[in-house]
Amino acid sequence: MSATQTDSTGAGRGRQAILDSAVRNMNERGYHGTSMRDIARGADITVASIYHHFKSKQDILQDIMVRALHDAIAMTRSALLRAGGTPEGQLQELVRAWVMFHTTRQLDALVGASELRSLNEPGRRLVVALRDEQEAVFRDVVERGVEMGAFATEFPRDAVRGIINMGQSVSSWWQASGALRPEELADRYAALALAMVQNTATNVAVPND
């Protein structure tokens, strides 16, 4: 699934086709290398038809990035609700959802990671605000874990940024044809994230007498 979820109406399907084509083209050519003609060709419509849905290529880019971030935030918040009350469980579920987003929505994530510089100022402010909202979801869990003594990192904000960036980077190298399924990668990164914030002494197995 790409930047938006398919609508049941013809208008929704047309909009979806435009966004899907734009995401593919922007991954291949970059935002500035992608023309409205490229997007129209990929969506099998005319250039004029695009303007029934979007005012400009800039609006298309903003729509891709904003919708993807809304979906990522929804995925991570839902994961948080499923996780229960412990910071350890919450962090692991957050990271699993974050990695799943960056594998199952890989093309959207790549556009979001590379094209912030291409947004105009209002669009950039909106996307940055959504990124801050997403970071706050992780930060609240880690900071609460530190307060409760579950986590021992002296640098919770740096740890959060590291965890977020670690998950984001997955979209740049993961391949569906590779050895790791998204679920396996998500579990692996959840364990790595937990190791980043825990006191290493708590992870040392005590040998039996």
N, C-alpha and C. Protein backbone atom coordinates (compact mmCIF):
# COMPACT_ATOMS: atom_id res chain seq x y z
N MET A 1 0.85 -1.19 0.00
CA MET A 1 0.00 0.00 0.00
C MET A 1 0.88 1.23 0.00
N SER A 2 0.47 2.23 -0.80
CA SER A 2 1.32 3.41 -0.91
C SER A 2 0.74 4.56 -0.12
N ALA A 3 0.91 5.80 -0.64
CA ALA A 3 0.73 6.98 0.18
C ALA A 3 -0.66 7.15 0.75
N THR A 4 -1.67 6.63 0.11
CA THR A 4 -3.02 6.74 0.65
C THR A 4 -3.69 5.39 0.57
N GLN A 5 -4.77 5.25 1.29
CA GLN A 5 -5.58 4.05 1.20
C GLN A 5 -6.61 4.25 0.10
N THR A 6 -6.89 3.18 -0.67
CA THR A 6 -7.77 3.30 -1.82
C THR A 6 -9.18 3.64 -1.38
N ASP A 7 -9.76 4.65 -2.00
CA ASP A 7 -11.12 5.08 -1.76
C ASP A 7 -12.06 4.24 -2.62
N SER A 8 -13.33 4.11 -2.21
CA SER A 8 -14.28 3.31 -2.97
C SER A 8 -14.84 4.06 -4.16
N THR A 9 -14.64 5.36 -4.24
CA THR A 9 -15.17 6.16 -5.34
C THR A 9 -14.17 6.24 -6.47
N GLY A 10 -14.67 6.61 -7.66
CA GLY A 10 -13.78 6.79 -8.79
C GLY A 10 -12.78 7.90 -8.55
N ALA A 11 -13.23 8.96 -7.89
CA ALA A 11 -12.34 10.08 -7.59
C ALA A 11 -11.21 9.62 -6.67
N GLY A 12 -11.56 8.80 -5.69
CA GLY A 12 -10.54 8.30 -4.77
C GLY A 12 -9.54 7.42 -5.48
N ARG A 13 -10.02 6.58 -6.40
CA ARG A 13 -9.11 5.72 -7.15
C ARG A 13 -8.19 6.53 -8.05
N GLY A 14 -8.75 7.59 -8.65
CA GLY A 14 -7.92 8.45 -9.49
C GLY A 14 -6.84 9.15 -8.69
N ARG A 15 -7.21 9.63 -7.52
CA ARG A 15 -6.24 10.29 -6.64
C ARG A 15 -5.16 9.31 -6.21
N GLN A 16 -5.59 8.08 -5.89
CA GLN A 16 -4.64 7.05 -5.47
C GLN A 16 -3.65 6.74 -6.58
N ALA A 17 -4.15 6.63 -7.80
CA ALA A 17 -3.27 6.33 -8.93
C ALA A 17 -2.22 7.43 -9.12
N ILE A 18 -2.63 8.67 -8.94
CA ILE A 18 -1.70 9.79 -9.06
C ILE A 18 -0.63 9.70 -7.98
N LEU A 19 -1.04 9.46 -6.76
CA LEU A 19 -0.08 9.38 -5.66
C LEU A 19 0.87 8.20 -5.81
N ASP A 20 0.33 7.07 -6.23
CA ASP A 20 1.19 5.90 -6.44
C ASP A 20 2.23 6.18 -7.52
N SER A 21 1.79 6.79 -8.61
CA SER A 21 2.72 7.13 -9.69
C SER A 21 3.76 8.14 -9.22
N ALA A 22 3.31 9.13 -8.47
CA ALA A 22 4.24 10.16 -7.98
C ALA A 22 5.29 9.55 -7.07
N VAL A 23 4.89 8.65 -6.18
CA VAL A 23 5.84 8.00 -5.27
C VAL A 23 6.87 7.20 -6.05
N ARG A 24 6.40 6.44 -7.03
CA ARG A 24 7.35 5.65 -7.83
C ARG A 24 8.32 6.54 -8.58
N ASN A 25 7.80 7.57 -9.22
CA ASN A 25 8.65 8.46 -10.01
C ASN A 25 9.63 9.24 -9.14
N MET A 26 9.17 9.71 -7.98
CA MET A 26 10.05 10.48 -7.11
C MET A 26 11.15 9.62 -6.51
N ASN A 27 10.87 8.33 -6.33
CA ASN A 27 11.93 7.43 -5.88
C ASN A 27 12.94 7.17 -6.99
N GLU A 28 12.49 7.15 -8.22
CA GLU A 28 13.40 6.89 -9.34
C GLU A 28 14.15 8.14 -9.78
N ARG A 29 13.47 9.28 -9.79
CA ARG A 29 14.02 10.49 -10.39
C ARG A 29 14.24 11.63 -9.41
N GLY A 30 13.69 11.52 -8.20
CA GLY A 30 13.71 12.65 -7.28
C GLY A 30 12.55 13.58 -7.59
N TYR A 31 12.25 14.44 -6.62
CA TYR A 31 11.13 15.38 -6.80
C TYR A 31 11.37 16.30 -7.99
N HIS A 32 12.53 16.92 -8.04
CA HIS A 32 12.77 17.90 -9.10
C HIS A 32 12.95 17.25 -10.46
N GLY A 33 13.33 15.98 -10.49
CA GLY A 33 13.46 15.28 -11.75
C GLY A 33 12.16 14.68 -12.27
N THR A 34 11.12 14.74 -11.45
CA THR A 34 9.82 14.18 -11.82
C THR A 34 8.92 15.29 -12.36
N SER A 35 8.38 15.09 -13.53
CA SER A 35 7.47 16.07 -14.13
C SER A 35 6.02 15.61 -13.94
N MET A 36 5.10 16.54 -14.11
CA MET A 36 3.68 16.19 -14.08
C MET A 36 3.36 15.21 -15.21
N ARG A 37 4.06 15.32 -16.31
CA ARG A 37 3.85 14.38 -17.42
C ARG A 37 4.27 12.96 -17.00
N ASP A 38 5.38 12.85 -16.25
CA ASP A 38 5.81 11.54 -15.75
C ASP A 38 4.74 10.94 -14.85
N ILE A 39 4.20 11.77 -13.95
CA ILE A 39 3.18 11.29 -13.02
C ILE A 39 1.93 10.86 -13.78
N ALA A 40 1.52 11.67 -14.76
CA ALA A 40 0.33 11.34 -15.56
C ALA A 40 0.53 10.04 -16.32
N ARG A 41 1.71 9.87 -16.90
CA ARG A 41 1.99 8.65 -17.66
C ARG A 41 1.91 7.42 -16.76
N GLY A 42 2.50 7.53 -15.56
CA GLY A 42 2.48 6.40 -14.64
C GLY A 42 1.10 6.09 -14.11
N ALA A 43 0.23 7.08 -14.05
CA ALA A 43 -1.14 6.87 -13.58
C ALA A 43 -2.10 6.56 -14.72
N ASP A 44 -1.59 6.60 -15.95
CA ASP A 44 -2.40 6.33 -17.15
C ASP A 44 -3.56 7.32 -17.28
N ILE A 45 -3.24 8.58 -17.04
CA ILE A 45 -4.22 9.65 -17.20
C ILE A 45 -3.54 10.81 -17.92
N THR A 46 -4.31 11.84 -18.22
CA THR A 46 -3.73 13.04 -18.82
C THR A 46 -3.22 13.97 -17.73
N VAL A 47 -2.32 14.86 -18.12
CA VAL A 47 -1.82 15.85 -17.17
C VAL A 47 -2.97 16.70 -16.64
N ALA A 48 -3.88 17.06 -17.53
CA ALA A 48 -5.02 17.89 -17.11
C ALA A 48 -5.84 17.22 -16.02
N SER A 49 -5.91 15.88 -16.07
CA SER A 49 -6.70 15.16 -15.07
C SER A 49 -6.10 15.29 -13.68
N ILE A 50 -4.78 15.43 -13.61
CA ILE A 50 -4.15 15.58 -12.29
C ILE A 50 -4.69 16.80 -11.58
N TYR A 51 -4.95 17.86 -12.33
CA TYR A 51 -5.36 19.12 -11.71
C TYR A 51 -6.80 19.08 -11.19
N HIS A 52 -7.51 18.01 -11.46
CA HIS A 52 -8.82 17.83 -10.81
C HIS A 52 -8.64 17.42 -9.35
N HIS A 53 -7.45 16.92 -9.02
CA HIS A 53 -7.20 16.40 -7.67
C HIS A 53 -6.16 17.23 -6.90
N PHE A 54 -5.20 17.79 -7.61
CA PHE A 54 -4.10 18.51 -6.96
C PHE A 54 -3.83 19.80 -7.72
N LYS A 55 -3.49 20.86 -6.98
CA LYS A 55 -3.19 22.14 -7.61
C LYS A 55 -1.84 22.15 -8.27
N SER A 56 -0.89 21.36 -7.72
CA SER A 56 0.48 21.43 -8.21
C SER A 56 1.24 20.17 -7.79
N LYS A 57 2.43 20.02 -8.33
CA LYS A 57 3.31 18.92 -7.91
C LYS A 57 3.70 19.09 -6.45
N GLN A 58 3.82 20.33 -6.00
CA GLN A 58 4.14 20.59 -4.60
C GLN A 58 3.04 20.05 -3.68
N ASP A 59 1.78 20.21 -4.10
CA ASP A 59 0.68 19.67 -3.31
C ASP A 59 0.71 18.15 -3.26
N ILE A 60 1.13 17.53 -4.36
CA ILE A 60 1.24 16.07 -4.38
C ILE A 60 2.30 15.62 -3.38
N LEU A 61 3.45 16.25 -3.40
CA LEU A 61 4.52 15.88 -2.48
C LEU A 61 4.07 16.05 -1.03
N GLN A 62 3.44 17.17 -0.73
CA GLN A 62 2.98 17.40 0.64
C GLN A 62 1.97 16.35 1.05
N ASP A 63 1.06 16.00 0.15
CA ASP A 63 0.05 15.00 0.46
C ASP A 63 0.70 13.65 0.77
N ILE A 64 1.68 13.26 -0.03
CA ILE A 64 2.39 11.99 0.20
C ILE A 64 3.01 11.99 1.59
N MET A 65 3.74 13.04 1.92
CA MET A 65 4.48 13.06 3.17
C MET A 65 3.57 13.18 4.38
N VAL A 66 2.54 14.01 4.29
CA VAL A 66 1.64 14.21 5.43
C VAL A 66 0.83 12.95 5.70
N ARG A 67 0.28 12.35 4.65
CA ARG A 67 -0.51 11.14 4.86
C ARG A 67 0.35 10.00 5.40
N ALA A 68 1.57 9.87 4.90
CA ALA A 68 2.46 8.82 5.40
C ALA A 68 2.76 9.03 6.89
N LEU A 69 3.01 10.26 7.28
CA LEU A 69 3.30 10.54 8.69
C LEU A 69 2.07 10.29 9.56
N HIS A 70 0.90 10.69 9.08
CA HIS A 70 -0.32 10.40 9.84
C HIS A 70 -0.48 8.90 10.04
N ASP A 71 -0.21 8.13 8.99
CA ASP A 71 -0.33 6.68 9.10
C ASP A 71 0.70 6.09 10.06
N ALA A 72 1.93 6.61 10.00
CA ALA A 72 2.98 6.12 10.91
C ALA A 72 2.61 6.43 12.36
N ILE A 73 2.13 7.63 12.60
CA ILE A 73 1.72 8.00 13.97
C ILE A 73 0.59 7.11 14.44
N ALA A 74 -0.38 6.85 13.56
CA ALA A 74 -1.50 5.98 13.94
C ALA A 74 -1.02 4.57 14.25
N MET A 75 -0.08 4.06 13.44
CA MET A 75 0.45 2.72 13.67
C MET A 75 1.18 2.63 15.01
N THR A 76 2.01 3.63 15.30
CA THR A 76 2.78 3.57 16.55
C THR A 76 1.88 3.79 17.77
N ARG A 77 0.89 4.66 17.65
CA ARG A 77 -0.02 4.86 18.78
C ARG A 77 -0.85 3.61 19.04
N SER A 78 -1.28 2.95 17.98
CA SER A 78 -2.03 1.71 18.15
C SER A 78 -1.15 0.64 18.81
N ALA A 79 0.11 0.59 18.40
CA ALA A 79 1.05 -0.36 19.01
C ALA A 79 1.21 -0.07 20.49
N LEU A 80 1.24 1.19 20.85
CA LEU A 80 1.39 1.59 22.25
C LEU A 80 0.20 1.12 23.08
N LEU A 81 -0.98 1.21 22.50
CA LEU A 81 -2.18 0.77 23.21
C LEU A 81 -2.18 -0.74 23.43
N ARG A 82 -1.62 -1.47 22.48
CA ARG A 82 -1.57 -2.94 22.59
C ARG A 82 -0.50 -3.42 23.56
N ALA A 83 0.43 -2.56 23.88
CA ALA A 83 1.65 -3.00 24.56
C ALA A 83 1.49 -3.24 26.05
N GLY A 84 0.48 -2.69 26.65
CA GLY A 84 0.37 -2.81 28.11
C GLY A 84 1.10 -1.68 28.81
N GLY A 85 1.39 -1.88 30.10
CA GLY A 85 1.84 -0.77 30.92
C GLY A 85 3.33 -0.62 31.14
N THR A 86 4.15 -1.58 30.75
CA THR A 86 5.57 -1.47 31.07
C THR A 86 6.32 -0.70 29.99
N PRO A 87 7.26 0.15 30.36
CA PRO A 87 8.04 0.87 29.35
C PRO A 87 8.78 -0.06 28.40
N GLU A 88 9.27 -1.19 28.92
CA GLU A 88 10.00 -2.13 28.06
C GLU A 88 9.10 -2.67 26.96
N GLY A 89 7.91 -3.10 27.33
CA GLY A 89 6.97 -3.62 26.33
C GLY A 89 6.51 -2.55 25.37
N GLN A 90 6.27 -1.35 25.89
CA GLN A 90 5.82 -0.26 25.03
C GLN A 90 6.88 0.12 24.00
N LEU A 91 8.13 0.21 24.44
CA LEU A 91 9.18 0.58 23.50
C LEU A 91 9.34 -0.47 22.42
N GLN A 92 9.30 -1.73 22.80
CA GLN A 92 9.46 -2.79 21.80
C GLN A 92 8.32 -2.78 20.79
N GLU A 93 7.10 -2.57 21.26
CA GLU A 93 5.98 -2.54 20.32
C GLU A 93 6.04 -1.31 19.42
N LEU A 94 6.48 -0.18 19.97
CA LEU A 94 6.66 1.02 19.14
C LEU A 94 7.65 0.77 18.02
N VAL A 95 8.78 0.17 18.38
CA VAL A 95 9.83 -0.06 17.38
C VAL A 95 9.36 -1.08 16.35
N ARG A 96 8.65 -2.10 16.78
CA ARG A 96 8.12 -3.07 15.82
C ARG A 96 7.21 -2.37 14.79
N ALA A 97 6.32 -1.53 15.29
CA ALA A 97 5.42 -0.81 14.38
C ALA A 97 6.19 0.12 13.46
N TRP A 98 7.20 0.79 13.99
CA TRP A 98 8.02 1.73 13.23
C TRP A 98 8.76 1.03 12.10
N VAL A 99 9.33 -0.13 12.41
CA VAL A 99 10.04 -0.90 11.38
C VAL A 99 9.06 -1.47 10.36
N MET A 100 7.92 -1.93 10.81
CA MET A 100 6.92 -2.45 9.88
C MET A 100 6.47 -1.35 8.91
N PHE A 101 6.31 -0.15 9.41
CA PHE A 101 5.94 0.95 8.52
C PHE A 101 7.02 1.17 7.46
N HIS A 102 8.28 1.14 7.86
CA HIS A 102 9.37 1.46 6.94
C HIS A 102 9.73 0.31 6.00
N THR A 103 9.10 -0.85 6.20
CA THR A 103 9.25 -1.94 5.23
C THR A 103 8.00 -2.04 4.36
N THR A 104 6.82 -2.04 4.97
CA THR A 104 5.59 -2.20 4.19
C THR A 104 5.21 -0.93 3.45
N ARG A 105 5.70 0.20 3.89
CA ARG A 105 5.45 1.49 3.21
C ARG A 105 6.79 2.09 2.78
N GLN A 106 7.62 1.26 2.22
CA GLN A 106 9.01 1.62 1.95
C GLN A 106 9.15 2.81 1.01
N LEU A 107 8.41 2.83 -0.09
CA LEU A 107 8.56 3.92 -1.06
C LEU A 107 8.09 5.25 -0.47
N ASP A 108 6.99 5.22 0.26
CA ASP A 108 6.53 6.44 0.94
C ASP A 108 7.58 6.96 1.91
N ALA A 109 8.17 6.02 2.68
CA ALA A 109 9.17 6.39 3.67
C ALA A 109 10.40 7.00 3.01
N LEU A 110 10.79 6.46 1.86
CA LEU A 110 11.97 6.99 1.17
C LEU A 110 11.72 8.41 0.67
N VAL A 111 10.54 8.67 0.14
CA VAL A 111 10.22 10.04 -0.27
C VAL A 111 10.25 10.97 0.94
N GLY A 112 9.67 10.51 2.05
CA GLY A 112 9.65 11.33 3.25
C GLY A 112 11.04 11.63 3.78
N ALA A 113 11.95 10.66 3.65
CA ALA A 113 13.30 10.84 4.18
C ALA A 113 14.14 11.75 3.30
N SER A 114 13.86 11.80 2.00
CA SER A 114 14.76 12.49 1.08
C SER A 114 14.25 13.83 0.55
N GLU A 115 12.95 14.10 0.69
CA GLU A 115 12.40 15.25 -0.02
C GLU A 115 11.88 16.37 0.88
N LEU A 116 12.23 16.35 2.17
CA LEU A 116 11.82 17.46 3.03
C LEU A 116 12.33 18.78 2.47
N ARG A 117 13.53 18.77 1.93
CA ARG A 117 14.13 19.99 1.38
C ARG A 117 13.35 20.53 0.19
N SER A 118 12.54 19.70 -0.44
CA SER A 118 11.80 20.12 -1.63
C SER A 118 10.44 20.74 -1.30
N LEU A 119 10.01 20.66 -0.05
CA LEU A 119 8.74 21.26 0.34
C LEU A 119 8.86 22.77 0.46
N ASN A 120 7.77 23.45 0.15
CA ASN A 120 7.75 24.89 0.43
C ASN A 120 7.62 25.10 1.94
N GLU A 121 7.72 26.33 2.38
CA GLU A 121 7.81 26.60 3.82
C GLU A 121 6.57 26.14 4.59
N PRO A 122 5.34 26.42 4.13
CA PRO A 122 4.19 25.91 4.88
C PRO A 122 4.16 24.38 4.97
N GLY A 123 4.47 23.72 3.87
CA GLY A 123 4.52 22.26 3.88
C GLY A 123 5.59 21.73 4.80
N ARG A 124 6.76 22.38 4.80
CA ARG A 124 7.85 21.95 5.65
C ARG A 124 7.47 22.09 7.12
N ARG A 125 6.83 23.20 7.48
CA ARG A 125 6.43 23.39 8.87
C ARG A 125 5.46 22.30 9.31
N LEU A 126 4.53 21.95 8.43
CA LEU A 126 3.54 20.92 8.76
C LEU A 126 4.22 19.57 8.95
N VAL A 127 5.11 19.20 8.05
CA VAL A 127 5.79 17.91 8.14
C VAL A 127 6.70 17.85 9.36
N VAL A 128 7.41 18.92 9.64
CA VAL A 128 8.28 18.95 10.82
C VAL A 128 7.44 18.80 12.09
N ALA A 129 6.28 19.45 12.14
CA ALA A 129 5.41 19.32 13.31
C ALA A 129 4.95 17.88 13.50
N LEU A 130 4.64 17.19 12.40
CA LEU A 130 4.22 15.80 12.49
C LEU A 130 5.39 14.91 12.91
N ARG A 131 6.58 15.21 12.41
CA ARG A 131 7.76 14.45 12.84
C ARG A 131 8.01 14.65 14.33
N ASP A 132 7.83 15.87 14.81
CA ASP A 132 7.99 16.14 16.25
C ASP A 132 6.96 15.36 17.06
N GLU A 133 5.73 15.28 16.53
CA GLU A 133 4.68 14.52 17.22
C GLU A 133 5.06 13.05 17.31
N GLN A 134 5.60 12.52 16.21
CA GLN A 134 6.02 11.12 16.23
C GLN A 134 7.17 10.90 17.21
N GLU A 135 8.14 11.81 17.22
CA GLU A 135 9.25 11.67 18.15
C GLU A 135 8.77 11.72 19.59
N ALA A 136 7.75 12.54 19.85
CA ALA A 136 7.24 12.66 21.22
C ALA A 136 6.63 11.35 21.72
N VAL A 137 6.05 10.56 20.82
CA VAL A 137 5.49 9.27 21.21
C VAL A 137 6.60 8.37 21.77
N PHE A 138 7.74 8.32 21.07
CA PHE A 138 8.88 7.55 21.55
C PHE A 138 9.48 8.17 22.82
N ARG A 139 9.63 9.48 22.81
CA ARG A 139 10.30 10.16 23.93
C ARG A 139 9.53 9.97 25.23
N ASP A 140 8.21 10.04 25.17
CA ASP A 140 7.40 9.88 26.38
C ASP A 140 7.64 8.51 27.01
N VAL A 141 7.74 7.48 26.18
CA VAL A 141 7.96 6.13 26.70
C VAL A 141 9.34 6.01 27.32
N VAL A 142 10.36 6.49 26.63
CA VAL A 142 11.72 6.36 27.13
C VAL A 142 11.92 7.19 28.39
N GLU A 143 11.42 8.40 28.41
CA GLU A 143 11.60 9.25 29.60
C GLU A 143 10.85 8.68 30.79
N ARG A 144 9.67 8.11 30.56
CA ARG A 144 8.94 7.48 31.66
C ARG A 144 9.70 6.25 32.15
N GLY A 145 10.31 5.52 31.21
CA GLY A 145 11.10 4.36 31.61
C GLY A 145 12.29 4.74 32.47
N VAL A 146 12.91 5.86 32.14
CA VAL A 146 14.03 6.35 32.95
C VAL A 146 13.54 6.75 34.34
N GLU A 147 12.43 7.45 34.40
CA GLU A 147 11.89 7.87 35.70
C GLU A 147 11.53 6.68 36.58
N MET A 148 11.04 5.61 35.97
CA MET A 148 10.62 4.42 36.72
C MET A 148 11.80 3.50 37.06
N GLY A 149 12.97 3.78 36.49
CA GLY A 149 14.11 2.93 36.73
C GLY A 149 14.19 1.72 35.80
N ALA A 150 13.28 1.65 34.82
CA ALA A 150 13.30 0.54 33.87
C ALA A 150 14.41 0.72 32.85
N PHE A 151 14.72 1.98 32.53
CA PHE A 151 15.79 2.29 31.59
C PHE A 151 16.87 3.07 32.32
N ALA A 152 18.11 2.91 31.88
CA ALA A 152 19.22 3.52 32.59
C ALA A 152 20.02 4.50 31.74
N THR A 153 19.54 4.81 30.53
CA THR A 153 20.31 5.73 29.70
C THR A 153 20.39 7.11 30.33
N GLU A 154 21.56 7.72 30.23
CA GLU A 154 21.73 9.10 30.70
C GLU A 154 21.30 10.10 29.64
N PHE A 155 21.04 9.63 28.44
CA PHE A 155 20.74 10.52 27.32
C PHE A 155 19.47 10.07 26.61
N PRO A 156 18.32 10.21 27.27
CA PRO A 156 17.09 9.67 26.70
C PRO A 156 16.71 10.29 25.35
N ARG A 157 16.92 11.58 25.20
CA ARG A 157 16.55 12.21 23.92
C ARG A 157 17.46 11.74 22.79
N ASP A 158 18.73 11.61 23.07
CA ASP A 158 19.64 11.09 22.05
C ASP A 158 19.31 9.64 21.73
N ALA A 159 18.96 8.87 22.75
CA ALA A 159 18.58 7.47 22.51
C ALA A 159 17.35 7.39 21.62
N VAL A 160 16.37 8.25 21.88
CA VAL A 160 15.16 8.27 21.06
C VAL A 160 15.48 8.59 19.61
N ARG A 161 16.30 9.61 19.40
CA ARG A 161 16.65 9.96 18.02
C ARG A 161 17.40 8.82 17.35
N GLY A 162 18.27 8.16 18.10
CA GLY A 162 18.99 7.02 17.54
C GLY A 162 18.05 5.89 17.16
N ILE A 163 17.08 5.60 18.01
CA ILE A 163 16.12 4.54 17.74
C ILE A 163 15.27 4.87 16.52
N ILE A 164 14.80 6.13 16.45
CA ILE A 164 14.00 6.55 15.30
C ILE A 164 14.80 6.46 14.01
N ASN A 165 16.02 6.96 14.04
CA ASN A 165 16.85 6.95 12.83
C ASN A 165 17.20 5.52 12.41
N MET A 166 17.40 4.66 13.39
CA MET A 166 17.70 3.26 13.10
C MET A 166 16.54 2.63 12.33
N GLY A 167 15.33 2.91 12.77
CA GLY A 167 14.16 2.36 12.08
C GLY A 167 13.96 2.98 10.71
N GLN A 168 14.17 4.29 10.61
CA GLN A 168 14.02 4.96 9.32
C GLN A 168 14.97 4.42 8.27
N SER A 169 16.18 4.09 8.69
CA SER A 169 17.20 3.65 7.74
C SER A 169 16.84 2.34 7.06
N VAL A 170 15.95 1.58 7.67
CA VAL A 170 15.54 0.30 7.09
C VAL A 170 15.00 0.49 5.67
N SER A 171 14.27 1.57 5.46
CA SER A 171 13.66 1.78 4.14
C SER A 171 14.68 1.95 3.04
N SER A 172 15.92 2.32 3.39
CA SER A 172 16.94 2.57 2.38
C SER A 172 17.66 1.30 1.93
N TRP A 173 17.52 0.20 2.69
CA TRP A 173 18.26 -1.00 2.31
C TRP A 173 17.46 -2.29 2.30
N TRP A 174 16.33 -2.33 3.02
CA TRP A 174 15.57 -3.58 3.10
C TRP A 174 15.02 -3.94 1.73
N GLN A 175 15.04 -5.22 1.41
CA GLN A 175 14.50 -5.72 0.15
C GLN A 175 13.56 -6.88 0.43
N ALA A 176 12.41 -6.86 -0.23
CA ALA A 176 11.43 -7.93 -0.03
C ALA A 176 12.01 -9.29 -0.41
N SER A 177 12.96 -9.29 -1.32
CA SER A 177 13.58 -10.55 -1.76
C SER A 177 14.70 -11.01 -0.84
N GLY A 178 14.99 -10.23 0.19
CA GLY A 178 16.09 -10.56 1.09
C GLY A 178 15.75 -11.64 2.09
N ALA A 179 16.69 -11.90 2.98
CA ALA A 179 16.55 -13.02 3.92
C ALA A 179 15.56 -12.73 5.04
N LEU A 180 15.39 -11.46 5.42
CA LEU A 180 14.57 -11.13 6.58
C LEU A 180 13.19 -10.64 6.17
N ARG A 181 12.17 -11.27 6.76
CA ARG A 181 10.81 -10.76 6.59
C ARG A 181 10.64 -9.52 7.48
N PRO A 182 9.69 -8.65 7.16
CA PRO A 182 9.49 -7.45 7.99
C PRO A 182 9.30 -7.77 9.47
N GLU A 183 8.55 -8.83 9.77
CA GLU A 183 8.30 -9.17 11.17
C GLU A 183 9.58 -9.58 11.88
N GLU A 184 10.43 -10.30 11.21
CA GLU A 184 11.70 -10.71 11.80
C GLU A 184 12.61 -9.52 12.04
N LEU A 185 12.65 -8.62 11.07
CA LEU A 185 13.46 -7.42 11.22
C LEU A 185 12.91 -6.55 12.35
N ALA A 186 11.60 -6.46 12.45
CA ALA A 186 10.97 -5.66 13.51
C ALA A 186 11.33 -6.21 14.88
N ASP A 187 11.31 -7.53 15.04
CA ASP A 187 11.68 -8.13 16.32
C ASP A 187 13.15 -7.86 16.65
N ARG A 188 13.99 -7.96 15.65
CA ARG A 188 15.42 -7.73 15.86
C ARG A 188 15.68 -6.29 16.30
N TYR A 189 15.04 -5.34 15.64
CA TYR A 189 15.25 -3.94 15.98
C TYR A 189 14.62 -3.58 17.32
N ALA A 190 13.53 -4.25 17.68
CA ALA A 190 12.94 -4.02 19.00
C ALA A 190 13.93 -4.41 20.10
N ALA A 191 14.63 -5.53 19.90
CA ALA A 191 15.64 -5.96 20.88
C ALA A 191 16.81 -4.98 20.92
N LEU A 192 17.24 -4.50 19.76
CA LEU A 192 18.33 -3.54 19.72
C LEU A 192 17.95 -2.23 20.41
N ALA A 193 16.72 -1.78 20.20
CA ALA A 193 16.27 -0.54 20.83
C ALA A 193 16.27 -0.67 22.34
N LEU A 194 15.80 -1.81 22.82
CA LEU A 194 15.77 -2.02 24.26
C LEU A 194 17.18 -2.02 24.84
N ALA A 195 18.11 -2.61 24.11
CA ALA A 195 19.50 -2.63 24.58
C ALA A 195 20.09 -1.23 24.65
N MET A 196 19.62 -0.33 23.82
CA MET A 196 20.15 1.04 23.81
C MET A 196 19.80 1.81 25.07
N VAL A 197 18.69 1.46 25.70
CA VAL A 197 18.23 2.26 26.84
C VAL A 197 18.37 1.54 28.17
N GLN A 198 18.60 0.26 28.16
CA GLN A 198 18.69 -0.48 29.42
C GLN A 198 20.09 -0.45 29.99
N ASN A 199 20.14 -0.65 31.30
CA ASN A 199 21.41 -0.89 31.97
C ASN A 199 21.92 -2.26 31.53
N THR A 200 23.11 -2.31 30.96
CA THR A 200 23.61 -3.59 30.44
C THR A 200 23.71 -4.65 31.52
N ALA A 201 23.86 -4.21 32.77
CA ALA A 201 23.98 -5.19 33.86
C ALA A 201 22.72 -6.01 34.01
N THR A 202 21.56 -5.41 33.64
CA THR A 202 20.30 -6.14 33.77
C THR A 202 20.14 -7.19 32.70
N ASN A 203 20.98 -7.14 31.65
CA ASN A 203 20.85 -8.08 30.56
C ASN A 203 21.83 -9.23 30.66
N VAL A 204 22.64 -9.27 31.70
CA VAL A 204 23.64 -10.33 31.85
C VAL A 204 23.00 -11.52 32.54
N ALA A 205 23.05 -12.66 31.89
CA ALA A 205 22.49 -13.87 32.47
C ALA A 205 23.34 -14.32 33.65
N VAL A 206 22.68 -14.72 34.72
CA VAL A 206 23.38 -15.22 35.90
C VAL A 206 23.52 -16.73 35.78
N PRO A 207 24.75 -17.25 35.78
CA PRO A 207 24.93 -18.70 35.61
C PRO A 207 24.37 -19.47 36.79
N ASN A 208 23.89 -20.65 36.51
CA ASN A 208 23.38 -21.52 37.59
C ASN A 208 24.54 -22.08 38.39
N ASP A 209 24.34 -22.27 39.70
CA ASP A 209 25.35 -22.88 40.55
C ASP A 209 25.53 -24.36 40.21
